[in-house]
């Protein structure tokens, strides 16, 4: 089971009518599609799966998710 990556949406733009963004994780940056995360904006904590933002988290949820991964012996993938 893939848990996706947790990161921060650094910026957003529209490319050919498709909302896109750049997510920064602990170790990398990735361009992502925002079709499934209407209203996501720069500065939001997000979950990314297969190049799509699937969820917007509040900062406490993001911290909890990162802590859970650390307890499970897994960090955000690099």
PDB file of N, CA and C in Angstrom:
ATOM      1  N   UNK A   1       0.842  -1.180   0.000  1.00  0.00           N
ATOM      2  CA  UNK A   1       0.000   0.000   0.000  1.00  0.00           C
ATOM      3  C   UNK A   1       0.885   1.239   0.000  1.00  0.00           C
ATOM      4  N   UNK A   2       0.582   2.168  -0.841  1.00  0.00           N
ATOM      5  CA  UNK A   2       1.331   3.415  -0.911  1.00  0.00           C
ATOM      6  C   UNK A   2       0.610   4.478  -0.087  1.00  0.00           C
ATOM      7  N   UNK A   3       1.362   5.182   0.748  1.00  0.00           N
ATOM      8  CA  UNK A   3       0.759   6.224   1.574  1.00  0.00           C
ATOM      9  C   UNK A   3       0.884   7.606   0.956  1.00  0.00           C
ATOM     10  N   UNK A   4       1.564   7.718  -0.166  1.00  0.00           N
ATOM     11  CA  UNK A   4       1.769   9.028  -0.757  1.00  0.00           C
ATOM     12  C   UNK A   4       2.837   9.803  -0.010  1.00  0.00           C
ATOM     13  N   UNK A   5       3.140  10.961  -0.520  1.00  0.00           N
ATOM     14  CA  UNK A   5       4.134  11.845   0.079  1.00  0.00           C
ATOM     15  C   UNK A   5       3.428  13.035   0.717  1.00  0.00           C
ATOM     16  N   UNK A   6       4.042  13.580   1.738  1.00  0.00           N
ATOM     17  CA  UNK A   6       3.520  14.774   2.383  1.00  0.00           C
ATOM     18  C   UNK A   6       4.483  15.913   2.090  1.00  0.00           C
ATOM     19  N   UNK A   7       3.953  17.028   1.642  1.00  0.00           N
ATOM     20  CA  UNK A   7       4.787  18.179   1.336  1.00  0.00           C
ATOM     21  C   UNK A   7       4.004  19.465   1.437  1.00  0.00           C
ATOM     22  N   UNK A   8       4.652  20.532   1.016  1.00  0.00           N
ATOM     23  CA  UNK A   8       4.032  21.856   1.034  1.00  0.00           C
ATOM     24  C   UNK A   8       3.923  22.336  -0.408  1.00  0.00           C
ATOM     25  N   UNK A   9       2.751  22.829  -0.764  1.00  0.00           N
ATOM     26  CA  UNK A   9       2.526  23.374  -2.097  1.00  0.00           C
ATOM     27  C   UNK A   9       3.218  24.731  -2.174  1.00  0.00           C
ATOM     28  N   UNK A  10       4.256  24.808  -3.006  1.00  0.00           N
ATOM     29  CA  UNK A  10       5.066  26.025  -3.080  1.00  0.00           C
ATOM     30  C   UNK A  10       4.443  27.078  -3.980  1.00  0.00           C
ATOM     31  N   UNK A  11       3.897  26.658  -5.126  1.00  0.00           N
ATOM     32  CA  UNK A  11       3.226  27.608  -6.011  1.00  0.00           C
ATOM     33  C   UNK A  11       2.260  26.856  -6.925  1.00  0.00           C
ATOM     34  N   UNK A  12       1.396  27.611  -7.578  1.00  0.00           N
ATOM     35  CA  UNK A  12       0.382  27.024  -8.448  1.00  0.00           C
ATOM     36  C   UNK A  12       0.306  27.799  -9.754  1.00  0.00           C
ATOM     37  N   UNK A  13      -0.215  27.159 -10.791  1.00  0.00           N
ATOM     38  CA  UNK A  13      -0.440  27.786 -12.089  1.00  0.00           C
ATOM     39  C   UNK A  13      -1.446  26.948 -12.861  1.00  0.00           C
ATOM     40  N   UNK A  14      -1.886  27.454 -13.976  1.00  0.00           N
ATOM     41  CA  UNK A  14      -2.801  26.724 -14.853  1.00  0.00           C
ATOM     42  C   UNK A  14      -2.068  26.453 -16.159  1.00  0.00           C
ATOM     43  N   UNK A  15      -2.088  25.209 -16.608  1.00  0.00           N
ATOM     44  CA  UNK A  15      -1.413  24.803 -17.835  1.00  0.00           C
ATOM     45  C   UNK A  15      -2.448  24.159 -18.753  1.00  0.00           C
ATOM     46  N   UNK A  16      -2.861  24.900 -19.788  1.00  0.00           N
ATOM     47  CA  UNK A  16      -3.863  24.370 -20.712  1.00  0.00           C
ATOM     48  C   UNK A  16      -5.194  24.089 -20.043  1.00  0.00           C
ATOM     49  N   UNK A  17      -5.538  24.882 -19.054  1.00  0.00           N
ATOM     50  CA  UNK A  17      -6.794  24.704 -18.333  1.00  0.00           C
ATOM     51  C   UNK A  17      -6.716  23.742 -17.161  1.00  0.00           C
ATOM     52  N   UNK A  18      -5.551  23.143 -16.947  1.00  0.00           N
ATOM     53  CA  UNK A  18      -5.373  22.181 -15.857  1.00  0.00           C
ATOM     54  C   UNK A  18      -4.606  22.845 -14.719  1.00  0.00           C
ATOM     55  N   UNK A  19      -5.170  22.829 -13.499  1.00  0.00           N
ATOM     56  CA  UNK A  19      -4.451  23.412 -12.368  1.00  0.00           C
ATOM     57  C   UNK A  19      -3.253  22.538 -11.986  1.00  0.00           C
ATOM     58  N   UNK A  20      -2.105  23.183 -11.865  1.00  0.00           N
ATOM     59  CA  UNK A  20      -0.862  22.488 -11.553  1.00  0.00           C
ATOM     60  C   UNK A  20      -0.181  23.171 -10.379  1.00  0.00           C
ATOM     61  N   UNK A  21       0.804  22.507  -9.802  1.00  0.00           N
ATOM     62  CA  UNK A  21       1.541  23.099  -8.704  1.00  0.00           C
ATOM     63  C   UNK A  21       2.898  22.450  -8.534  1.00  0.00           C
ATOM     64  N   UNK A  22       3.672  23.018  -7.622  1.00  0.00           N
ATOM     65  CA  UNK A  22       4.989  22.479  -7.264  1.00  0.00           C
ATOM     66  C   UNK A  22       4.968  22.193  -5.774  1.00  0.00           C
ATOM     67  N   UNK A  23       5.230  20.932  -5.426  1.00  0.00           N
ATOM     68  CA  UNK A  23       5.245  20.505  -4.032  1.00  0.00           C
ATOM     69  C   UNK A  23       6.685  20.271  -3.597  1.00  0.00           C
ATOM     70  N   UNK A  24       7.012  20.780  -2.430  1.00  0.00           N
ATOM     71  CA  UNK A  24       8.327  20.585  -1.838  1.00  0.00           C
ATOM     72  C   UNK A  24       8.178  19.632  -0.655  1.00  0.00           C
ATOM     73  N   UNK A  25       8.920  18.524  -0.710  1.00  0.00           N
ATOM     74  CA  UNK A  25       8.963  17.594   0.420  1.00  0.00           C
ATOM     75  C   UNK A  25      10.298  17.778   1.121  1.00  0.00           C
ATOM     76  N   UNK A  26      10.568  16.935   2.066  1.00  0.00           N
ATOM     77  CA  UNK A  26      11.805  17.047   2.837  1.00  0.00           C
ATOM     78  C   UNK A  26      13.041  16.970   1.941  1.00  0.00           C
ATOM     79  N   UNK A  27      12.970  16.176   0.868  1.00  0.00           N
ATOM     80  CA  UNK A  27      14.165  15.924   0.072  1.00  0.00           C
ATOM     81  C   UNK A  27      14.060  16.246  -1.406  1.00  0.00           C
ATOM     82  N   UNK A  28      12.918  16.708  -1.876  1.00  0.00           N
ATOM     83  CA  UNK A  28      12.801  16.972  -3.314  1.00  0.00           C
ATOM     84  C   UNK A  28      11.632  17.889  -3.633  1.00  0.00           C
ATOM     85  N   UNK A  29      11.569  18.278  -4.892  1.00  0.00           N
ATOM     86  CA  UNK A  29      10.450  19.064  -5.418  1.00  0.00           C
ATOM     87  C   UNK A  29       9.811  18.267  -6.544  1.00  0.00           C
ATOM     88  N   UNK A  30       8.508  18.464  -6.735  1.00  0.00           N
ATOM     89  CA  UNK A  30       7.789  17.710  -7.756  1.00  0.00           C
ATOM     90  C   UNK A  30       6.646  18.558  -8.319  1.00  0.00           C
ATOM     91  N   UNK A  31       6.496  18.535  -9.644  1.00  0.00           N
ATOM     92  CA  UNK A  31       5.321  19.152 -10.258  1.00  0.00           C
ATOM     93  C   UNK A  31       4.155  18.186 -10.100  1.00  0.00           C
ATOM     94  N   UNK A  32       2.982  18.733  -9.738  1.00  0.00           N
ATOM     95  CA  UNK A  32       1.819  17.898  -9.474  1.00  0.00           C
ATOM     96  C   UNK A  32       0.581  18.495 -10.127  1.00  0.00           C
ATOM     97  N   UNK A  33      -0.407  17.653 -10.318  1.00  0.00           N
ATOM     98  CA  UNK A  33      -1.705  18.075 -10.828  1.00  0.00           C
ATOM     99  C   UNK A  33      -2.635  18.333  -9.640  1.00  0.00           C
ATOM    100  N   UNK A  34      -3.412  19.404  -9.728  1.00  0.00           N
ATOM    101  CA  UNK A  34      -4.300  19.792  -8.630  1.00  0.00           C
ATOM    102  C   UNK A  34      -5.773  19.539  -8.940  1.00  0.00           C
ATOM    103  N   UNK A  35      -6.080  18.726  -9.971  1.00  0.00           N
ATOM    104  CA  UNK A  35      -7.476  18.491 -10.341  1.00  0.00           C
ATOM    105  C   UNK A  35      -8.316  17.938  -9.194  1.00  0.00           C
ATOM    106  N   UNK A  36      -7.713  17.128  -8.318  1.00  0.00           N
ATOM    107  CA  UNK A  36      -8.464  16.496  -7.236  1.00  0.00           C
ATOM    108  C   UNK A  36      -8.411  17.293  -5.934  1.00  0.00           C
ATOM    109  N   UNK A  37      -7.831  18.479  -5.981  1.00  0.00           N
ATOM    110  CA  UNK A  37      -7.680  19.277  -4.766  1.00  0.00           C
ATOM    111  C   UNK A  37      -8.081  20.720  -5.045  1.00  0.00           C
ATOM    112  N   UNK A  38      -9.329  20.906  -5.432  1.00  0.00           N
ATOM    113  CA  UNK A  38      -9.808  22.262  -5.710  1.00  0.00           C
ATOM    114  C   UNK A  38      -9.593  23.145  -4.494  1.00  0.00           C
ATOM    115  N   UNK A  39      -9.108  24.325  -4.737  1.00  0.00           N
ATOM    116  CA  UNK A  39      -8.899  25.271  -3.652  1.00  0.00           C
ATOM    117  C   UNK A  39      -7.535  25.173  -3.001  1.00  0.00           C
ATOM    118  N   UNK A  40      -6.724  24.163  -3.378  1.00  0.00           N
ATOM    119  CA  UNK A  40      -5.374  24.081  -2.812  1.00  0.00           C
ATOM    120  C   UNK A  40      -4.590  25.314  -3.255  1.00  0.00           C
ATOM    121  N   UNK A  41      -3.829  25.868  -2.341  1.00  0.00           N
ATOM    122  CA  UNK A  41      -3.112  27.102  -2.630  1.00  0.00           C
ATOM    123  C   UNK A  41      -1.700  27.020  -2.055  1.00  0.00           C
ATOM    124  N   UNK A  42      -0.839  27.873  -2.542  1.00  0.00           N
ATOM    125  CA  UNK A  42       0.541  27.923  -2.063  1.00  0.00           C
ATOM    126  C   UNK A  42       0.555  28.034  -0.545  1.00  0.00           C
ATOM    127  N   UNK A  43       1.422  27.247   0.074  1.00  0.00           N
ATOM    128  CA  UNK A  43       1.540  27.225   1.530  1.00  0.00           C
ATOM    129  C   UNK A  43       0.776  26.094   2.185  1.00  0.00           C
ATOM    130  N   UNK A  44      -0.144  25.455   1.447  1.00  0.00           N
ATOM    131  CA  UNK A  44      -0.922  24.344   2.006  1.00  0.00           C
ATOM    132  C   UNK A  44      -0.058  23.096   2.141  1.00  0.00           C
ATOM    133  N   UNK A  45      -0.308  22.330   3.189  1.00  0.00           N
ATOM    134  CA  UNK A  45       0.292  21.006   3.353  1.00  0.00           C
ATOM    135  C   UNK A  45      -0.585  20.033   2.582  1.00  0.00           C
ATOM    136  N   UNK A  46       0.036  19.169   1.771  1.00  0.00           N
ATOM    137  CA  UNK A  46      -0.739  18.293   0.898  1.00  0.00           C
ATOM    138  C   UNK A  46      -0.177  16.878   0.896  1.00  0.00           C
ATOM    139  N   UNK A  47      -1.029  15.940   0.462  1.00  0.00           N
ATOM    140  CA  UNK A  47      -0.632  14.562   0.217  1.00  0.00           C
ATOM    141  C   UNK A  47      -0.586  14.391  -1.294  1.00  0.00           C
ATOM    142  N   UNK A  48       0.521  13.836  -1.798  1.00  0.00           N
ATOM    143  CA  UNK A  48       0.712  13.614  -3.230  1.00  0.00           C
ATOM    144  C   UNK A  48       0.795  12.120  -3.479  1.00  0.00           C
ATOM    145  N   UNK A  49       0.025  11.654  -4.461  1.00  0.00           N
ATOM    146  CA  UNK A  49       0.071  10.249  -4.871  1.00  0.00           C
ATOM    147  C   UNK A  49       0.088  10.189  -6.386  1.00  0.00           C
ATOM    148  N   UNK A  50       1.134   9.599  -6.946  1.00  0.00           N
ATOM    149  CA  UNK A  50       1.273   9.409  -8.388  1.00  0.00           C
ATOM    150  C   UNK A  50       1.107  10.704  -9.183  1.00  0.00           C
ATOM    151  N   UNK A  51       1.659  11.803  -8.643  1.00  0.00           N
ATOM    152  CA  UNK A  51       1.649  13.069  -9.360  1.00  0.00           C
ATOM    153  C   UNK A  51       0.403  13.911  -9.178  1.00  0.00           C
ATOM    154  N   UNK A  52      -0.521  13.460  -8.347  1.00  0.00           N
ATOM    155  CA  UNK A  52      -1.753  14.203  -8.065  1.00  0.00           C
ATOM    156  C   UNK A  52      -1.818  14.547  -6.583  1.00  0.00           C
ATOM    157  N   UNK A  53      -2.231  15.776  -6.262  1.00  0.00           N
ATOM    158  CA  UNK A  53      -2.534  16.109  -4.871  1.00  0.00           C
ATOM    159  C   UNK A  53      -3.890  15.496  -4.572  1.00  0.00           C
ATOM    160  N   UNK A  54      -3.929  14.625  -3.556  1.00  0.00           N
ATOM    161  CA  UNK A  54      -5.156  13.925  -3.220  1.00  0.00           C
ATOM    162  C   UNK A  54      -5.856  14.484  -1.992  1.00  0.00           C
ATOM    163  N   UNK A  55      -5.119  15.275  -1.190  1.00  0.00           N
ATOM    164  CA  UNK A  55      -5.725  15.803   0.029  1.00  0.00           C
ATOM    165  C   UNK A  55      -4.950  17.021   0.495  1.00  0.00           C
ATOM    166  N   UNK A  56      -5.655  17.952   1.089  1.00  0.00           N
ATOM    167  CA  UNK A  56      -5.046  19.121   1.728  1.00  0.00           C
ATOM    168  C   UNK A  56      -5.157  18.902   3.233  1.00  0.00           C
ATOM    169  N   UNK A  57      -4.037  19.047   3.934  1.00  0.00           N
ATOM    170  CA  UNK A  57      -3.985  18.828   5.378  1.00  0.00           C
ATOM    171  C   UNK A  57      -3.767  20.144   6.101  1.00  0.00           C
ATOM    172  N   UNK A  58      -4.312  20.249   7.302  1.00  0.00           N
ATOM    173  CA  UNK A  58      -3.932  21.404   8.106  1.00  0.00           C
ATOM    174  C   UNK A  58      -2.560  21.082   8.716  1.00  0.00           C
ATOM    175  N   UNK A  59      -1.842  22.084   9.199  1.00  0.00           N
ATOM    176  CA  UNK A  59      -0.484  21.839   9.695  1.00  0.00           C
ATOM    177  C   UNK A  59      -0.407  20.759  10.779  1.00  0.00           C
ATOM    178  N   UNK A  60      -1.389  20.699  11.672  1.00  0.00           N
ATOM    179  CA  UNK A  60      -1.371  19.682  12.726  1.00  0.00           C
ATOM    180  C   UNK A  60      -1.524  18.277  12.131  1.00  0.00           C
ATOM    181  N   UNK A  61      -2.392  18.122  11.131  1.00  0.00           N
ATOM    182  CA  UNK A  61      -2.548  16.822  10.474  1.00  0.00           C
ATOM    183  C   UNK A  61      -1.250  16.407   9.785  1.00  0.00           C
ATOM    184  N   UNK A  62      -0.593  17.350   9.125  1.00  0.00           N
ATOM    185  CA  UNK A  62       0.672  17.047   8.450  1.00  0.00           C
ATOM    186  C   UNK A  62       1.718  16.613   9.464  1.00  0.00           C
ATOM    187  N   UNK A  63       1.814  17.306  10.587  1.00  0.00           N
ATOM    188  CA  UNK A  63       2.771  16.931  11.634  1.00  0.00           C
ATOM    189  C   UNK A  63       2.458  15.545  12.184  1.00  0.00           C
ATOM    190  N   UNK A  64       1.180  15.260  12.423  1.00  0.00           N
ATOM    191  CA  UNK A  64       0.777  13.939  12.922  1.00  0.00           C
ATOM    192  C   UNK A  64       1.133  12.839  11.933  1.00  0.00           C
ATOM    193  N   UNK A  65       0.895  13.079  10.648  1.00  0.00           N
ATOM    194  CA  UNK A  65       1.201  12.080   9.622  1.00  0.00           C
ATOM    195  C   UNK A  65       2.701  11.830   9.547  1.00  0.00           C
ATOM    196  N   UNK A  66       3.493  12.883   9.623  1.00  0.00           N
ATOM    197  CA  UNK A  66       4.949  12.713   9.596  1.00  0.00           C
ATOM    198  C   UNK A  66       5.429  11.950  10.826  1.00  0.00           C
ATOM    199  N   UNK A  67       4.861  12.239  11.983  1.00  0.00           N
ATOM    200  CA  UNK A  67       5.236  11.541  13.217  1.00  0.00           C
ATOM    201  C   UNK A  67       4.864  10.069  13.131  1.00  0.00           C
ATOM    202  N   UNK A  68       3.707   9.765  12.577  1.00  0.00           N
ATOM    203  CA  UNK A  68       3.286   8.376  12.417  1.00  0.00           C
ATOM    204  C   UNK A  68       4.264   7.630  11.515  1.00  0.00           C
ATOM    205  N   UNK A  69       4.671   8.260  10.433  1.00  0.00           N
ATOM    206  CA  UNK A  69       5.644   7.631   9.531  1.00  0.00           C
ATOM    207  C   UNK A  69       6.972   7.397  10.232  1.00  0.00           C
ATOM    208  N   UNK A  70       7.400   8.356  11.043  1.00  0.00           N
ATOM    209  CA  UNK A  70       8.671   8.204  11.765  1.00  0.00           C
ATOM    210  C   UNK A  70       8.569   7.038  12.749  1.00  0.00           C
ATOM    211  N   UNK A  71       7.445   6.920  13.447  1.00  0.00           N
ATOM    212  CA  UNK A  71       7.259   5.806  14.393  1.00  0.00           C
ATOM    213  C   UNK A  71       7.218   4.479  13.662  1.00  0.00           C
ATOM    214  N   UNK A  72       6.739   4.490  12.433  1.00  0.00           N
ATOM    215  CA  UNK A  72       6.660   3.244  11.662  1.00  0.00           C
ATOM    216  C   UNK A  72       8.002   2.931  10.990  1.00  0.00           C
ATOM    217  N   UNK A  73       8.986   3.824  11.175  1.00  0.00           N
ATOM    218  CA  UNK A  73      10.303   3.588  10.593  1.00  0.00           C
ATOM    219  C   UNK A  73      10.420   4.018   9.158  1.00  0.00           C
ATOM    220  N   UNK A  74       9.495   4.850   8.725  1.00  0.00           N
ATOM    221  CA  UNK A  74       9.503   5.303   7.333  1.00  0.00           C
ATOM    222  C   UNK A  74       9.453   6.808   7.290  1.00  0.00           C
ATOM    223  N   UNK A  75      10.328   7.408   6.513  1.00  0.00           N
ATOM    224  CA  UNK A  75      10.290   8.848   6.278  1.00  0.00           C
ATOM    225  C   UNK A  75       9.635   9.073   4.930  1.00  0.00           C
ATOM    226  N   UNK A  76       9.319  10.335   4.600  1.00  0.00           N
ATOM    227  CA  UNK A  76       8.819  10.636   3.269  1.00  0.00           C
ATOM    228  C   UNK A  76       9.814  10.102   2.254  1.00  0.00           C
ATOM    229  N   UNK A  77       9.332   9.442   1.209  1.00  0.00           N
ATOM    230  CA  UNK A  77      10.247   8.873   0.215  1.00  0.00           C
ATOM    231  C   UNK A  77      11.089   9.940  -0.458  1.00  0.00           C
ATOM    232  N   UNK A  78      12.262   9.539  -0.887  1.00  0.00           N
ATOM    233  CA  UNK A  78      13.151  10.466  -1.602  1.00  0.00           C
ATOM    234  C   UNK A  78      13.277  10.058  -3.034  1.00  0.00           C
TER     235      UNK A  78
END
